[in-house]
Amino acid sequence: MKPPINIYNYVEEYHRHNDKLNREFEINEINLGVIKSFITPNLNDPELYSTYTIDEVTADKINKHLSKKISFDFNTYEYFFQRYGDYDE
């Protein structure tokens, strides 16, 4: 498989009561090295392409690196870090 052309980093917000996606927040301004400082990759996922749960501590660390902060609401939503790539066909 060819490497991705573009990679996008998101915080995804899901409703707690029905697990439906509510919003996505693009966080591409944070580089992968910094993201790895607060999200520990699984052993077989060094590039963080799996889905990772974001807790309140991690949310604070993410916001410290964003110019436009995310208003996390952990009472209503669950949050996940997700990384996607666009691939050349």
C-alpha atoms as a PDB file:
ATOM      1  CA  MET A   1       0.000   0.000   0.000  1.00  0.00           C
ATOM      2  CA  LYS A   2       1.268   3.457  -0.897  1.00  0.00           C
ATOM      3  CA  PRO A   3       1.700   5.980   1.907  1.00  0.00           C
ATOM      4  CA  PRO A   4      -1.108   8.509   2.391  1.00  0.00           C
ATOM      5  CA  ILE A   5      -1.072  11.752   0.418  1.00  0.00           C
ATOM      6  CA  ASN A   6      -2.723  13.743   3.205  1.00  0.00           C
ATOM      7  CA  ILE A   7      -3.298  12.912   6.854  1.00  0.00           C
ATOM      8  CA  TYR A   8      -6.025  14.480   8.980  1.00  0.00           C
ATOM      9  CA  ASN A   9      -6.303  14.464  12.766  1.00  0.00           C
ATOM     10  CA  TYR A  10      -9.701  14.818  14.401  1.00  0.00           C
ATOM     11  CA  VAL A  11     -11.399  14.890  17.751  1.00  0.00           C
ATOM     12  CA  GLU A  12     -14.769  13.227  17.210  1.00  0.00           C
ATOM     13  CA  GLU A  13     -17.717  13.979  19.492  1.00  0.00           C
ATOM     14  CA  TYR A  14     -20.388  11.300  19.995  1.00  0.00           C
ATOM     15  CA  HIS A  15     -23.671  11.542  21.931  1.00  0.00           C
ATOM     16  CA  ARG A  16     -23.556   9.400  25.060  1.00  0.00           C
ATOM     17  CA  HIS A  17     -27.242   8.398  24.781  1.00  0.00           C
ATOM     18  CA  ASN A  18     -27.192   7.089  21.181  1.00  0.00           C
ATOM     19  CA  ASP A  19     -23.524   6.894  20.086  1.00  0.00           C
ATOM     20  CA  LYS A  20     -24.193   9.109  17.050  1.00  0.00           C
ATOM     21  CA  LEU A  21     -21.477  11.384  15.753  1.00  0.00           C
ATOM     22  CA  ASN A  22     -22.301  14.981  16.648  1.00  0.00           C
ATOM     23  CA  ARG A  23     -19.248  16.930  15.420  1.00  0.00           C
ATOM     24  CA  GLU A  24     -15.663  16.573  14.313  1.00  0.00           C
ATOM     25  CA  PHE A  25     -12.928  19.017  15.228  1.00  0.00           C
ATOM     26  CA  GLU A  26      -9.896  19.115  12.938  1.00  0.00           C
ATOM     27  CA  ILE A  27      -6.711  19.375  14.990  1.00  0.00           C
ATOM     28  CA  ASN A  28      -4.079  19.268  12.248  1.00  0.00           C
ATOM     29  CA  GLU A  29      -2.179  22.144  13.836  1.00  0.00           C
ATOM     30  CA  ILE A  30      -0.876  19.658  16.427  1.00  0.00           C
ATOM     31  CA  ASN A  31       1.928  17.505  15.001  1.00  0.00           C
ATOM     32  CA  LEU A  32       2.073  13.764  15.534  1.00  0.00           C
ATOM     33  CA  GLY A  33       4.999  13.934  17.964  1.00  0.00           C
ATOM     34  CA  VAL A  34       3.046  16.217  20.283  1.00  0.00           C
ATOM     35  CA  ILE A  35      -0.098  14.085  19.984  1.00  0.00           C
ATOM     36  CA  LYS A  36       1.956  11.028  20.982  1.00  0.00           C
ATOM     37  CA  SER A  37       3.009  12.877  24.143  1.00  0.00           C
ATOM     38  CA  PHE A  38      -0.560  12.592  25.457  1.00  0.00           C
ATOM     39  CA  ILE A  39      -2.022   9.662  23.478  1.00  0.00           C
ATOM     40  CA  THR A  40      -0.003   6.470  23.824  1.00  0.00           C
ATOM     41  CA  PRO A  41      -0.135   4.411  20.624  1.00  0.00           C
ATOM     42  CA  ASN A  42      -1.074   0.745  20.732  1.00  0.00           C
ATOM     43  CA  LEU A  43       1.886  -1.559  20.111  1.00  0.00           C
ATOM     44  CA  ASN A  44       0.952  -2.223  16.467  1.00  0.00           C
ATOM     45  CA  ASP A  45      -0.224   1.325  15.727  1.00  0.00           C
ATOM     46  CA  PRO A  46       2.767   3.701  15.860  1.00  0.00           C
ATOM     47  CA  GLU A  47       1.062   6.200  13.527  1.00  0.00           C
ATOM     48  CA  LEU A  48      -2.155   6.378  15.641  1.00  0.00           C
ATOM     49  CA  TYR A  49      -4.618   5.180  13.000  1.00  0.00           C
ATOM     50  CA  SER A  50      -6.703   3.298  15.573  1.00  0.00           C
ATOM     51  CA  THR A  51      -9.381   5.125  17.539  1.00  0.00           C
ATOM     52  CA  TYR A  52      -8.323   6.445  20.956  1.00  0.00           C
ATOM     53  CA  THR A  53     -10.585   7.594  23.779  1.00  0.00           C
ATOM     54  CA  ILE A  54     -10.065  11.145  25.002  1.00  0.00           C
ATOM     55  CA  ASP A  55     -10.541  11.751  28.716  1.00  0.00           C
ATOM     56  CA  GLU A  56     -10.663  15.102  30.511  1.00  0.00           C
ATOM     57  CA  VAL A  57      -6.904  15.185  31.144  1.00  0.00           C
ATOM     58  CA  THR A  58      -6.149  14.504  27.483  1.00  0.00           C
ATOM     59  CA  ALA A  59      -8.744  17.089  26.421  1.00  0.00           C
ATOM     60  CA  ASP A  60      -6.916  19.753  28.452  1.00  0.00           C
ATOM     61  CA  LYS A  61      -3.614  18.791  26.819  1.00  0.00           C
ATOM     62  CA  ILE A  62      -5.158  18.980  23.347  1.00  0.00           C
ATOM     63  CA  ASN A  63      -6.617  22.429  24.034  1.00  0.00           C
ATOM     64  CA  LYS A  64      -3.212  23.734  25.188  1.00  0.00           C
ATOM     65  CA  HIS A  65      -1.975  23.214  21.629  1.00  0.00           C
ATOM     66  CA  LEU A  66      -4.969  24.644  19.733  1.00  0.00           C
ATOM     67  CA  SER A  67      -5.460  28.246  18.672  1.00  0.00           C
ATOM     68  CA  LYS A  68      -9.238  27.676  18.717  1.00  0.00           C
ATOM     69  CA  LYS A  69     -10.125  25.677  21.828  1.00  0.00           C
ATOM     70  CA  ILE A  70     -12.683  22.840  21.847  1.00  0.00           C
ATOM     71  CA  SER A  71     -15.532  23.170  24.364  1.00  0.00           C
ATOM     72  CA  PHE A  72     -15.602  19.625  25.688  1.00  0.00           C
ATOM     73  CA  ASP A  73     -18.826  18.507  27.420  1.00  0.00           C
ATOM     74  CA  PHE A  74     -18.125  15.128  29.000  1.00  0.00           C
ATOM     75  CA  ASN A  75     -21.596  14.961  30.587  1.00  0.00           C
ATOM     76  CA  THR A  76     -23.286  14.859  27.173  1.00  0.00           C
ATOM     77  CA  TYR A  77     -20.622  13.489  24.832  1.00  0.00           C
ATOM     78  CA  GLU A  78     -17.784  11.008  24.511  1.00  0.00           C
ATOM     79  CA  TYR A  79     -14.651  12.048  22.644  1.00  0.00           C
ATOM     80  CA  PHE A  80     -12.230  10.114  20.489  1.00  0.00           C
ATOM     81  CA  PHE A  81      -9.037  10.881  18.609  1.00  0.00           C
ATOM     82  CA  GLN A  82      -9.140   9.629  15.020  1.00  0.00           C
ATOM     83  CA  ARG A  83      -6.563   9.916  12.273  1.00  0.00           C
ATOM     84  CA  TYR A  84      -7.440   9.474   8.589  1.00  0.00           C
ATOM     85  CA  GLY A  85      -5.367   9.413   5.419  1.00  0.00           C
ATOM     86  CA  ASP A  86      -6.154  10.150   1.787  1.00  0.00           C
ATOM     87  CA  TYR A  87      -4.501   7.629  -0.508  1.00  0.00           C
ATOM     88  CA  ASP A  88      -3.567   7.821  -4.180  1.00  0.00           C
ATOM     89  CA  GLU A  89      -5.442   5.176  -6.161  1.00  0.00           C
END
